[in-house]
Amino acid sequence: MSKEFDEEMQVRTVALANAKSILVVHKRAEQELIEAKKALQRRTDELARSLALMKATLDSTTDGLLVLDEDGQIANFNKKLIEMWHISPAIFSSRDIGQLRDFVAGEIKIPQPFALGELTNFNSAGKSQLLELKDGRFFEQFSEEQLVDNRSTGRVLCFRDITERKQTEEAVSRLAAVVESSDDAIVSKSLDGIIMSWNAGAQRIFEYTAEEIVGKSILMLIPAELQKEEPEIIARLKKGERIEHYETVRLAKGGRRIDISLTVSPVKDSTGKVVGASKIARDITADKKRQEALRESEARFRTELERLVHERTASLEEAVAQMEEFSYSVSHDLRAPLRAMQGYATALMEDYRGKVLDGEAEDYLQRIVTAGLRMDRLTRDVLVYSKIPRASLQLHAVTLDKLVSDITQQYLQAKTEDAEIAVETPLLSVMGNESFLAQAISNLVDNAVKFTFPGRVPQIRIWTEGIQGQVRLWVEDNGIGVKSEYQKRIWGMFERIHPQTQFEGTGIGLAIVRKTIERMNGTVGVESDGVSGSKFWIQLPGI
């Protein structure tokens, strides 16, 4: 009994020991599992942080990034790429790279895999290509391999917006073409006078090739007596000044002198500092020769013209002298017989009226006297009109109040007709000639009284008004008026619109008014409805 009990206890002891061993192993496994889970969590957190860091890096870069998987489909992208291409994120999220082709003018190039060592030459020639979108913008496409466990699993395509650079390059290219094709010499130099560039126009004008002159001093183009110009030009350039169309002389190859028009502009670096100069030289030798020939021609023409003017002046002076002599002859010799005719006819009527002469004879004699008086007035008016253009004329301030008052008083005292003349004072003063003005105003007043309906008392109103620095003097009457179709014609010589038997006059009075006022830089005019009187005016500069 004791033996069996011992054996059973021994078995149970072994089983208990095994159970303890199993429990230890289980606990150890549980601990290892916990440690493994912790390690996995740490790796997961590290991966999440790495992914977040990678995402932040992708989104913060100034380039657009497109990640492709090993099948060439879209795996990832950054915000910059969306902003640059103006494409909806949904296009990238579709993972189908084919959808991008609708936005690209050309083809998105996916280069063949290249070795890791080549990544150090990521931006080198041959590893970038130009990509143009359909909206006209340009991007530079770079490619980079992603390597995992030493094998290629995908690619990163990098895009950089080079639209502005491309436009600048094109502008520079166009500018270079313009410079090279220009007929003018376009040269750049440093501030110490060393030639740095030389275009085809410069070679044509100065006959040096670029190989012969680039790197040489600009002084080899300047004559010795003019080399002091260069320091003065440099000093002005350093102040930022521009020199335009400066005419001077320069030397071509072989010493031939060339007249040029020079424009010099300062060349500045990115900080605004003047580091050189750009010169544009235009060959004006032919222009100078033409100008000299023109000056010589003008001088010859001037000498011929002065001689012609002298001859014409002498001829004109002679003609004026003859005209003055004729005027005197008309004034003296022609009017003398008229006065004699009038005197004899008047004497006959006075001495023989009622004795020898009958009524018809007296009528004839009266007609002779009347015709003589009319002829005398006509001769006098023609002489006055002919003297107006030749008379010496000095303009000065004229007080119209006094002048008009004198004219109206003298008229009322000398005339036998009844007339009412109202002057609205004060009258504005004018710049004119008192003698000429008196003649013109007297003629207007005389006409206002003369051209009135029979039996009506002439009523005349005189006043002035200012018009934009000018003074207009009005003479208004209640006479027969002037119809509109005659209002320009009446200012001419010998223009009459009424028969001589109805209204006396020579037809020259208004022509004298117009001529005298025009000589004083004035104008004349009339307003009338042709029935109820007229308003004549003269206008002269005010004081």
Protein backbone atom coordinates (compact mmCIF):
# COMPACT_ATOMS: atom_id res chain seq x y z
CA MET A 1 0.00 0.00 0.00
CA SER A 2 2.80 2.30 0.85
CA LYS A 3 4.67 1.45 -2.34
CA GLU A 4 1.73 2.28 -4.58
CA PHE A 5 1.19 5.49 -2.78
CA ASP A 6 4.78 6.49 -3.28
CA GLU A 7 4.63 5.76 -7.00
CA GLU A 8 1.42 7.77 -7.40
CA MET A 9 2.94 10.68 -5.52
CA GLN A 10 6.00 10.51 -7.69
CA VAL A 11 3.82 10.64 -10.86
CA ARG A 12 1.89 13.55 -9.49
CA THR A 13 5.10 15.35 -8.58
CA VAL A 14 6.41 14.93 -12.12
CA ALA A 15 3.09 16.13 -13.59
CA LEU A 16 3.13 19.12 -11.31
CA ALA A 17 6.70 19.92 -12.35
CA ASN A 18 5.72 19.62 -16.01
CA ALA A 19 2.70 21.87 -15.46
CA LYS A 20 4.91 24.41 -13.81
CA SER A 21 7.32 24.26 -16.74
CA ILE A 22 4.43 24.66 -19.18
CA LEU A 23 3.11 27.61 -17.19
CA VAL A 24 6.54 29.25 -17.23
CA VAL A 25 6.81 28.72 -20.98
CA HIS A 26 3.30 30.13 -21.49
CA LYS A 27 4.02 33.15 -19.39
CA ARG A 28 7.24 33.67 -21.29
CA ALA A 29 5.35 33.41 -24.61
CA GLU A 30 2.74 35.87 -23.39
CA GLN A 31 5.49 38.30 -22.43
CA GLU A 32 7.16 37.89 -25.79
CA LEU A 33 3.81 38.51 -27.52
CA ILE A 34 3.30 41.67 -25.49
CA GLU A 35 6.80 42.80 -26.37
CA ALA A 36 6.15 41.99 -30.04
CA LYS A 37 2.89 43.99 -29.99
CA LYS A 38 4.70 46.90 -28.40
CA ALA A 39 7.45 46.69 -31.01
CA LEU A 40 4.82 46.50 -33.77
CA GLN A 41 3.05 49.58 -32.34
CA ARG A 42 6.34 51.42 -32.19
CA ARG A 43 7.04 50.49 -35.82
CA THR A 44 3.49 51.52 -36.77
CA ASP A 45 3.88 54.87 -34.99
CA GLU A 46 7.27 55.37 -36.61
CA LEU A 47 5.79 54.54 -40.00
CA ALA A 48 2.87 56.96 -39.40
CA ARG A 49 5.31 59.67 -38.38
CA SER A 50 7.44 58.90 -41.42
CA LEU A 51 4.39 59.04 -43.66
CA ALA A 52 3.24 62.29 -42.07
CA LEU A 53 6.76 63.71 -42.41
CA MET A 54 6.92 62.54 -46.01
CA LYS A 55 3.49 64.11 -46.71
CA ALA A 56 4.52 67.35 -45.05
CA THR A 57 7.75 67.29 -47.04
CA LEU A 58 5.87 66.65 -50.27
CA ASP A 59 3.43 69.46 -49.57
CA SER A 60 6.08 71.96 -48.50
CA THR A 61 8.38 71.57 -51.49
CA THR A 62 8.33 74.26 -54.17
CA ASP A 63 8.27 71.62 -56.90
CA GLY A 64 5.32 69.53 -57.95
CA LEU A 65 5.80 65.84 -57.12
CA LEU A 66 4.06 62.85 -58.69
CA VAL A 67 4.76 59.36 -57.26
CA LEU A 68 4.20 56.38 -59.57
CA ASP A 69 4.09 52.73 -58.52
CA GLU A 70 5.95 49.96 -60.28
CA ASP A 71 3.04 49.64 -62.74
CA GLY A 72 3.34 53.31 -63.74
CA GLN A 73 0.08 54.35 -62.06
CA ILE A 74 -0.36 57.29 -59.67
CA ALA A 75 0.58 56.38 -56.12
CA ASN A 76 0.83 59.81 -54.53
CA PHE A 77 1.13 63.53 -55.26
CA ASN A 78 1.57 66.80 -53.41
CA LYS A 79 -0.53 69.95 -53.18
CA LYS A 80 1.98 71.98 -55.17
CA LEU A 81 1.39 69.82 -58.23
CA ILE A 82 -2.38 70.49 -58.03
CA GLU A 83 -1.76 74.22 -57.63
CA MET A 84 0.73 74.30 -60.49
CA TRP A 85 -1.35 72.35 -62.99
CA HIS A 86 -4.79 73.69 -61.95
CA ILE A 87 -6.16 70.13 -62.01
CA SER A 88 -8.78 68.65 -59.70
CA PRO A 89 -7.35 66.31 -57.02
CA ALA A 90 -9.88 63.73 -58.20
CA ILE A 91 -7.86 63.28 -61.39
CA PHE A 92 -4.78 62.32 -59.36
CA SER A 93 -6.80 60.25 -56.90
CA SER A 94 -8.08 58.09 -59.76
CA ARG A 95 -4.54 56.62 -59.97
CA ASP A 96 -4.92 56.56 -63.79
CA ILE A 97 -2.00 58.49 -65.28
CA GLY A 98 -3.73 58.39 -68.65
CA GLN A 99 -6.24 61.02 -67.49
CA LEU A 100 -3.40 63.56 -67.21
CA ARG A 101 -2.80 63.43 -70.95
CA ASP A 102 -5.88 65.58 -71.56
CA PHE A 103 -4.08 68.49 -69.88
CA VAL A 104 -0.64 68.04 -71.42
CA ALA A 105 0.20 69.34 -74.91
CA GLY A 106 2.95 66.77 -75.34
CA GLU A 107 3.63 63.49 -73.56
CA ILE A 108 4.58 62.83 -69.95
CA LYS A 109 7.90 61.05 -70.29
CA ILE A 110 8.63 58.20 -67.88
CA PRO A 111 12.33 57.42 -68.37
CA GLN A 112 13.78 53.95 -68.05
CA PRO A 113 15.20 52.96 -64.65
CA PHE A 114 18.74 54.12 -64.03
CA ALA A 115 21.37 53.20 -61.49
CA LEU A 116 21.50 54.68 -57.99
CA GLY A 117 24.74 56.44 -58.80
CA GLU A 118 23.00 58.41 -61.51
CA LEU A 119 20.77 60.09 -58.93
CA THR A 120 23.66 62.39 -58.01
CA ASN A 121 23.25 63.89 -61.51
CA PHE A 122 19.55 64.37 -60.99
CA ASN A 123 19.50 67.85 -62.66
CA SER A 124 22.17 67.13 -65.20
CA ALA A 125 21.63 67.34 -68.93
CA GLY A 126 19.66 64.42 -70.25
CA LYS A 127 17.85 63.78 -66.97
CA SER A 128 15.27 66.61 -67.43
CA GLN A 129 12.80 67.31 -70.16
CA LEU A 130 10.41 70.10 -71.14
CA LEU A 131 6.71 69.60 -70.50
CA GLU A 132 4.11 71.99 -71.98
CA LEU A 133 0.54 72.17 -70.71
CA LYS A 134 -2.28 72.99 -73.10
CA ASP A 135 -2.79 76.40 -71.44
CA GLY A 136 0.65 77.45 -72.73
CA ARG A 137 2.64 77.10 -69.50
CA PHE A 138 5.95 75.24 -69.37
CA PHE A 139 7.35 72.83 -66.76
CA GLU A 140 10.66 71.07 -66.42
CA GLN A 141 10.20 67.34 -65.64
CA PHE A 142 12.78 65.47 -63.55
CA SER A 143 12.76 61.75 -62.65
CA GLU A 144 14.05 59.97 -59.53
CA GLU A 145 14.01 56.28 -58.63
CA GLN A 146 12.69 55.04 -55.29
CA LEU A 147 14.72 52.01 -54.20
CA VAL A 148 13.54 49.49 -51.57
CA ASP A 149 15.67 46.54 -50.61
CA ASN A 150 18.01 47.31 -53.56
CA ARG A 151 15.27 46.93 -56.16
CA SER A 152 13.20 49.50 -58.04
CA THR A 153 9.60 49.65 -56.84
CA GLY A 154 8.41 53.00 -58.21
CA ARG A 155 9.32 56.47 -59.39
CA VAL A 156 9.02 60.07 -58.29
CA LEU A 157 8.44 62.61 -61.07
CA CYS A 158 9.39 66.18 -60.13
CA PHE A 159 7.96 69.18 -62.01
CA ARG A 160 9.16 72.77 -61.80
CA ASP A 161 7.26 75.75 -63.30
CA ILE A 162 9.66 77.38 -65.76
CA THR A 163 7.07 79.42 -67.68
CA GLU A 164 8.63 82.73 -66.63
CA ARG A 165 12.12 81.44 -67.36
CA LYS A 166 10.95 80.18 -70.75
CA GLN A 167 9.37 83.55 -71.56
CA THR A 168 12.54 85.31 -70.45
CA GLU A 169 14.65 83.03 -72.63
CA GLU A 170 12.39 83.71 -75.60
CA ALA A 171 12.50 87.47 -74.94
CA VAL A 172 16.28 87.34 -74.67
CA SER A 173 16.42 85.32 -77.87
CA ARG A 174 14.23 87.86 -79.69
CA LEU A 175 16.28 90.72 -78.29
CA ALA A 176 19.48 89.05 -79.40
CA ALA A 177 18.02 88.64 -82.89
CA VAL A 178 17.03 92.31 -82.96
CA VAL A 179 20.48 93.38 -81.79
CA GLU A 180 22.20 91.18 -84.34
CA SER A 181 19.99 92.30 -87.23
CA SER A 182 20.09 96.03 -86.38
CA ASP A 183 21.73 98.40 -88.86
CA ASP A 184 23.05 100.41 -85.91
CA ALA A 185 26.18 99.49 -84.02
CA ILE A 186 25.21 98.05 -80.62
CA VAL A 187 28.18 97.64 -78.31
CA SER A 188 28.56 96.89 -74.62
CA LYS A 189 31.59 97.81 -72.57
CA SER A 190 32.82 97.70 -69.00
CA LEU A 191 33.32 100.83 -66.93
CA ASP A 192 37.05 100.70 -67.67
CA GLY A 193 36.27 100.95 -71.38
CA ILE A 194 36.80 97.33 -72.47
CA ILE A 195 34.53 96.19 -75.31
CA MET A 196 32.47 93.16 -74.24
CA SER A 197 30.06 92.63 -77.14
CA TRP A 198 29.93 93.63 -80.80
CA ASN A 199 27.04 93.11 -83.23
CA ALA A 200 26.91 92.84 -87.03
CA GLY A 201 25.89 96.51 -87.33
CA ALA A 202 29.04 97.52 -85.48
CA GLN A 203 31.13 95.41 -87.87
CA ARG A 204 29.42 97.05 -90.87
CA ILE A 205 29.99 100.59 -89.58
CA PHE A 206 33.47 100.29 -88.04
CA GLU A 207 34.75 97.39 -90.22
CA TYR A 208 36.20 95.41 -87.28
CA THR A 209 35.04 91.85 -86.67
CA ALA A 210 34.03 90.77 -83.17
CA GLU A 211 37.16 88.61 -82.96
CA GLU A 212 39.33 91.62 -83.73
CA ILE A 213 37.88 94.06 -81.21
CA VAL A 214 36.12 92.30 -78.30
CA GLY A 215 38.38 92.62 -75.25
CA LYS A 216 40.05 95.75 -76.65
CA SER A 217 39.70 99.32 -75.39
CA ILE A 218 36.93 101.50 -76.76
CA LEU A 219 39.53 104.26 -77.17
CA MET A 220 40.76 102.67 -80.38
CA LEU A 221 37.52 103.94 -81.99
CA ILE A 222 37.85 107.53 -80.68
CA PRO A 223 40.03 110.18 -82.40
CA ALA A 224 42.85 111.47 -80.20
CA GLU A 225 41.39 114.97 -79.94
CA LEU A 226 38.04 113.57 -78.74
CA GLN A 227 39.24 110.96 -76.22
CA LYS A 228 38.47 113.36 -73.36
CA GLU A 229 34.79 112.60 -74.08
CA GLU A 230 35.07 109.07 -72.71
CA PRO A 231 35.81 109.94 -69.02
CA GLU A 232 32.98 112.48 -69.12
CA ILE A 233 30.58 109.84 -70.49
CA ILE A 234 31.68 107.29 -67.86
CA ALA A 235 31.19 109.84 -65.07
CA ARG A 236 27.62 110.52 -66.20
CA LEU A 237 26.90 106.79 -66.53
CA LYS A 238 28.05 106.14 -62.96
CA LYS A 239 25.40 108.64 -61.85
CA GLY A 240 22.81 106.57 -63.68
CA GLU A 241 22.36 109.17 -66.44
CA ARG A 242 21.47 108.30 -70.03
CA ILE A 243 23.06 110.12 -72.97
CA GLU A 244 20.85 110.44 -76.04
CA HIS A 245 21.58 111.42 -79.65
CA TYR A 246 25.04 112.79 -78.92
CA GLU A 247 26.61 113.68 -82.25
CA THR A 248 30.35 113.10 -82.46
CA VAL A 249 33.06 111.51 -84.60
CA ARG A 250 34.55 108.00 -84.37
CA LEU A 251 37.19 106.04 -86.29
CA ALA A 252 36.63 103.02 -88.52
CA LYS A 253 39.26 100.43 -89.28
CA GLY A 254 42.08 102.12 -91.12
CA GLY A 255 41.44 105.53 -89.53
CA ARG A 256 38.46 106.62 -91.65
CA ARG A 257 36.42 109.23 -89.72
CA ILE A 258 32.69 108.59 -89.29
CA ASP A 259 30.02 111.03 -88.09
CA ILE A 260 27.80 109.18 -85.62
CA SER A 261 24.83 109.81 -83.36
CA LEU A 262 25.55 108.13 -80.02
CA THR A 263 23.13 106.92 -77.35
CA VAL A 264 24.69 105.52 -74.18
CA SER A 265 22.78 103.80 -71.35
CA PRO A 266 24.06 102.47 -68.02
CA VAL A 267 24.01 98.69 -67.47
CA LYS A 268 23.15 97.72 -63.89
CA ASP A 269 23.50 94.48 -61.95
CA SER A 270 20.78 92.90 -59.78
CA THR A 271 21.57 95.30 -56.92
CA GLY A 272 21.19 98.38 -59.11
CA LYS A 273 24.90 99.10 -59.27
CA VAL A 274 26.19 100.42 -62.61
CA VAL A 275 28.63 97.84 -63.95
CA GLY A 276 28.92 98.78 -67.62
CA ALA A 277 27.44 100.64 -70.56
CA SER A 278 25.44 99.90 -73.67
CA LYS A 279 26.19 102.07 -76.70
CA ILE A 280 24.09 102.47 -79.84
CA ALA A 281 25.92 104.28 -82.64
CA ARG A 282 24.20 105.35 -85.87
CA ASP A 283 26.23 106.36 -88.91
CA ILE A 284 25.05 109.86 -89.83
CA THR A 285 27.87 110.67 -92.27
CA ALA A 286 25.49 110.70 -95.24
CA ASP A 287 22.98 112.78 -93.26
CA LYS A 288 25.70 115.28 -92.39
CA LYS A 289 26.66 115.62 -96.05
CA ARG A 290 23.04 116.13 -97.02
CA GLN A 291 22.62 118.74 -94.29
CA GLU A 292 25.73 120.56 -95.44
CA ALA A 293 24.53 120.48 -99.05
CA LEU A 294 21.14 121.75 -97.85
CA ARG A 295 22.78 124.59 -95.90
CA GLU A 296 24.79 125.59 -98.94
CA SER A 297 21.66 125.43 -101.08
CA GLU A 298 19.72 127.49 -98.53
CA ALA A 299 22.53 130.05 -98.41
CA ARG A 300 22.51 130.33 -102.21
CA PHE A 301 18.70 130.53 -102.24
CA ARG A 302 18.73 133.13 -99.46
CA THR A 303 21.19 135.29 -101.46
CA GLU A 304 18.99 134.97 -104.58
CA LEU A 305 15.84 135.62 -102.44
CA GLU A 306 17.34 138.67 -100.74
CA ARG A 307 18.25 140.10 -104.11
CA LEU A 308 14.75 139.38 -105.41
CA VAL A 309 13.15 140.93 -102.31
CA HIS A 310 15.35 143.98 -102.70
CA GLU A 311 14.35 144.31 -106.33
CA ARG A 312 10.67 143.77 -105.56
CA THR A 313 10.84 146.23 -102.64
CA ALA A 314 12.41 148.86 -104.85
CA SER A 315 9.75 148.22 -107.49
CA LEU A 316 7.00 148.39 -104.86
CA GLU A 317 8.39 151.59 -103.39
CA GLU A 318 8.43 153.07 -106.86
CA ALA A 319 4.84 151.93 -107.44
CA VAL A 320 3.79 153.42 -104.07
CA ALA A 321 5.48 156.67 -104.95
CA GLN A 322 3.68 156.72 -108.28
CA MET A 323 0.38 155.92 -106.51
CA GLU A 324 0.91 158.76 -104.05
CA GLU A 325 1.75 161.06 -106.93
CA PHE A 326 -1.42 159.93 -108.71
CA SER A 327 -3.46 160.42 -105.52
CA TYR A 328 -2.17 163.95 -105.21
CA SER A 329 -2.95 164.54 -108.86
CA VAL A 330 -6.49 163.24 -108.38
CA SER A 331 -6.88 165.24 -105.21
CA HIS A 332 -5.64 168.48 -106.75
CA ASP A 333 -5.94 168.38 -110.52
CA LEU A 334 -9.20 166.40 -110.81
CA ARG A 335 -11.09 168.12 -108.04
CA ALA A 336 -10.09 171.61 -109.24
CA PRO A 337 -12.14 171.38 -112.51
CA LEU A 338 -15.04 169.95 -110.49
CA ARG A 339 -14.98 172.93 -108.17
CA ALA A 340 -14.79 175.25 -111.19
CA MET A 341 -17.82 173.58 -112.78
CA GLN A 342 -19.76 173.87 -109.56
CA GLY A 343 -18.71 177.54 -109.12
CA TYR A 344 -19.63 178.61 -112.64
CA ALA A 345 -22.96 176.78 -112.56
CA THR A 346 -23.81 178.36 -109.20
CA ALA A 347 -22.80 181.84 -110.47
CA LEU A 348 -24.99 181.48 -113.56
CA MET A 349 -27.98 180.55 -111.43
CA GLU A 350 -27.41 183.42 -109.03
CA ASP A 351 -26.69 186.08 -111.67
CA TYR A 352 -29.22 185.13 -114.37
CA ARG A 353 -32.10 183.51 -112.46
CA GLY A 354 -35.35 185.06 -113.65
CA LYS A 355 -33.58 187.13 -116.34
CA VAL A 356 -32.12 184.99 -119.13
CA LEU A 357 -32.52 181.48 -117.74
CA ASP A 358 -35.87 179.79 -117.79
CA GLY A 359 -36.89 177.06 -115.38
CA GLU A 360 -35.52 174.25 -117.52
CA ALA A 361 -32.09 175.92 -117.82
CA GLU A 362 -31.95 176.41 -114.05
CA ASP A 363 -32.80 172.74 -113.57
CA TYR A 364 -29.90 171.75 -115.82
CA LEU A 365 -27.53 174.01 -113.94
CA GLN A 366 -28.70 172.52 -110.62
CA ARG A 367 -28.06 169.06 -111.97
CA ILE A 368 -24.52 170.14 -112.92
CA VAL A 369 -23.93 171.41 -109.37
CA THR A 370 -25.38 168.25 -107.81
CA ALA A 371 -23.36 165.96 -110.08
CA GLY A 372 -20.21 167.95 -109.33
CA LEU A 373 -20.78 167.65 -105.60
CA ARG A 374 -21.41 163.92 -105.93
CA MET A 375 -18.28 163.50 -108.06
CA ASP A 376 -16.28 165.49 -105.52
CA ARG A 377 -17.50 163.27 -102.66
CA LEU A 378 -16.77 160.16 -104.69
CA THR A 379 -13.25 161.37 -105.50
CA ARG A 380 -12.67 162.22 -101.84
CA ASP A 381 -13.93 158.81 -100.63
CA VAL A 382 -11.79 156.95 -103.19
CA LEU A 383 -8.72 158.87 -102.01
CA VAL A 384 -9.54 158.06 -98.37
CA TYR A 385 -10.01 154.35 -99.18
CA SER A 386 -6.76 154.18 -101.20
CA LYS A 387 -4.75 155.80 -98.39
CA ILE A 388 -5.93 153.39 -95.66
CA PRO A 389 -3.55 150.50 -96.52
CA ARG A 390 -0.55 152.84 -96.85
CA ALA A 391 -1.18 155.17 -93.95
CA SER A 392 1.16 154.97 -90.97
CA LEU A 393 -0.77 153.33 -88.18
CA GLN A 394 0.04 153.37 -84.47
CA LEU A 395 -2.31 151.57 -82.08
CA HIS A 396 -2.93 152.94 -78.62
CA ALA A 397 -5.64 153.09 -75.99
CA VAL A 398 -8.64 155.08 -77.22
CA THR A 399 -11.31 156.39 -74.84
CA LEU A 400 -14.56 155.90 -76.75
CA ASP A 401 -16.59 158.08 -74.38
CA LYS A 402 -14.78 161.25 -75.50
CA LEU A 403 -14.39 160.23 -79.15
CA VAL A 404 -18.05 159.33 -79.66
CA SER A 405 -19.19 162.45 -77.79
CA ASP A 406 -17.08 164.68 -80.07
CA ILE A 407 -18.36 162.93 -83.20
CA THR A 408 -22.04 163.20 -82.28
CA GLN A 409 -21.75 166.85 -81.21
CA GLN A 410 -19.96 167.84 -84.42
CA TYR A 411 -22.51 165.89 -86.47
CA LEU A 412 -25.51 167.48 -84.79
CA GLN A 413 -24.02 170.96 -85.21
CA ALA A 414 -23.11 170.47 -88.87
CA LYS A 415 -26.23 168.65 -90.14
CA THR A 416 -29.55 170.26 -90.82
CA GLU A 417 -31.60 167.06 -90.47
CA ASP A 418 -33.31 166.33 -87.20
CA ALA A 419 -31.86 163.28 -85.48
CA GLU A 420 -31.95 161.81 -82.00
CA ILE A 421 -28.64 160.22 -80.91
CA ALA A 422 -28.49 158.42 -77.56
CA VAL A 423 -25.11 157.24 -76.20
CA GLU A 424 -25.21 154.75 -73.33
CA THR A 425 -22.19 155.66 -71.25
CA PRO A 426 -19.77 154.67 -70.01
CA LEU A 427 -18.31 153.22 -73.21
CA LEU A 428 -15.49 150.70 -72.95
CA SER A 429 -12.06 151.73 -74.18
CA VAL A 430 -10.32 149.95 -77.05
CA MET A 431 -6.89 149.47 -78.56
CA GLY A 432 -6.93 151.30 -81.91
CA ASN A 433 -6.09 154.44 -83.84
CA GLU A 434 -8.18 157.50 -82.97
CA SER A 435 -8.15 158.98 -86.49
CA PHE A 436 -9.21 155.71 -88.13
CA LEU A 437 -11.88 155.11 -85.46
CA ALA A 438 -13.30 158.60 -85.93
CA GLN A 439 -13.61 157.98 -89.68
CA ALA A 440 -15.35 154.61 -89.17
CA ILE A 441 -17.81 155.75 -86.46
CA SER A 442 -18.65 158.94 -88.40
CA ASN A 443 -19.52 156.87 -91.48
CA LEU A 444 -21.78 154.58 -89.44
CA VAL A 445 -23.61 157.54 -87.83
CA ASP A 446 -23.95 159.26 -91.22
CA ASN A 447 -25.48 156.11 -92.75
CA ALA A 448 -27.84 155.68 -89.78
CA VAL A 449 -29.24 159.16 -90.40
CA LYS A 450 -29.24 158.91 -94.20
CA PHE A 451 -30.98 155.54 -94.70
CA THR A 452 -34.27 156.40 -92.96
CA PHE A 453 -37.82 156.34 -94.30
CA PRO A 454 -39.06 159.77 -95.47
CA GLY A 455 -40.85 161.69 -92.72
CA ARG A 456 -39.35 159.57 -89.91
CA VAL A 457 -37.00 161.18 -87.39
CA PRO A 458 -33.75 159.13 -87.23
CA GLN A 459 -33.22 157.55 -83.83
CA ILE A 460 -29.72 156.27 -83.15
CA ARG A 461 -28.45 154.34 -80.11
CA ILE A 462 -24.74 153.76 -79.44
CA TRP A 463 -23.36 151.40 -76.76
CA THR A 464 -20.53 148.91 -76.12
CA GLU A 465 -20.19 145.41 -74.68
CA GLY A 466 -17.22 143.22 -73.74
CA ILE A 467 -16.76 139.89 -75.55
CA GLN A 468 -13.85 137.64 -74.41
CA GLY A 469 -11.23 140.37 -74.21
CA GLN A 470 -12.71 142.28 -77.17
CA VAL A 471 -14.96 145.35 -77.21
CA ARG A 472 -17.91 145.57 -79.59
CA LEU A 473 -19.35 149.03 -80.34
CA TRP A 474 -22.95 149.05 -81.64
CA VAL A 475 -24.67 151.71 -83.76
CA GLU A 476 -28.41 150.95 -83.92
CA ASP A 477 -30.92 152.86 -86.09
CA ASN A 478 -34.63 152.82 -86.92
CA GLY A 479 -34.03 153.05 -90.67
CA ILE A 480 -34.87 150.93 -93.69
CA GLY A 481 -32.85 147.88 -92.58
CA VAL A 482 -30.63 145.53 -94.62
CA LYS A 483 -31.97 142.28 -95.99
CA SER A 484 -29.95 139.17 -95.16
CA GLU A 485 -28.82 138.60 -98.77
CA TYR A 486 -27.13 142.02 -98.81
CA GLN A 487 -25.49 141.96 -95.37
CA LYS A 488 -22.09 140.81 -96.68
CA ARG A 489 -22.24 142.60 -100.01
CA ILE A 490 -22.69 146.12 -98.54
CA TRP A 491 -19.10 146.11 -97.16
CA GLY A 492 -17.58 146.11 -100.68
CA MET A 493 -16.48 149.01 -102.90
CA PHE A 494 -19.23 150.83 -104.85
CA GLU A 495 -21.91 148.51 -103.45
CA ARG A 496 -25.35 150.15 -103.39
CA ILE A 497 -28.64 148.36 -102.77
CA HIS A 498 -30.83 151.43 -103.33
CA PRO A 499 -31.05 153.83 -106.31
CA GLN A 500 -28.98 157.01 -106.20
CA THR A 501 -32.15 159.07 -106.58
CA GLN A 502 -33.64 157.51 -103.43
CA PHE A 503 -30.64 157.76 -101.07
CA GLU A 504 -27.49 159.78 -101.73
CA GLY A 505 -24.09 158.18 -101.32
CA THR A 506 -20.96 156.99 -103.10
CA GLY A 507 -21.14 153.27 -102.19
CA ILE A 508 -17.73 153.50 -100.47
CA GLY A 509 -18.61 154.54 -96.90
CA LEU A 510 -18.99 151.01 -95.43
CA ALA A 511 -15.96 149.80 -97.41
CA ILE A 512 -13.93 152.50 -95.64
CA VAL A 513 -15.35 151.34 -92.27
CA ARG A 514 -14.36 147.72 -92.96
CA LYS A 515 -10.87 148.63 -94.21
CA THR A 516 -10.02 150.91 -91.29
CA ILE A 517 -11.24 148.42 -88.66
CA GLU A 518 -9.36 145.52 -90.28
CA ARG A 519 -6.15 147.59 -90.20
CA MET A 520 -6.64 147.86 -86.44
CA ASN A 521 -6.99 144.04 -86.10
CA GLY A 522 -10.76 144.27 -85.76
CA THR A 523 -13.93 142.97 -87.42
CA VAL A 524 -17.25 144.43 -88.58
CA GLY A 525 -20.80 143.16 -88.99
CA VAL A 526 -24.50 143.98 -89.12
CA GLU A 527 -27.72 142.52 -87.71
CA SER A 528 -31.06 143.33 -89.33
CA ASP A 529 -34.38 141.77 -90.29
CA GLY A 530 -34.45 143.99 -93.39
CA VAL A 531 -37.53 145.93 -92.21
CA SER A 532 -37.24 147.53 -88.77
CA GLY A 533 -33.80 149.13 -88.74
CA SER A 534 -30.24 147.81 -88.43
CA LYS A 535 -27.56 147.26 -85.78
CA PHE A 536 -24.06 147.81 -87.20
CA TRP A 537 -21.07 146.86 -85.06
CA ILE A 538 -17.30 147.17 -85.01
CA GLN A 539 -15.14 144.99 -82.74
CA LEU A 540 -11.59 145.74 -81.55
CA PRO A 541 -9.22 144.46 -78.84
CA GLY A 542 -10.09 145.77 -75.40
CA ILE A 543 -7.75 147.38 -72.89
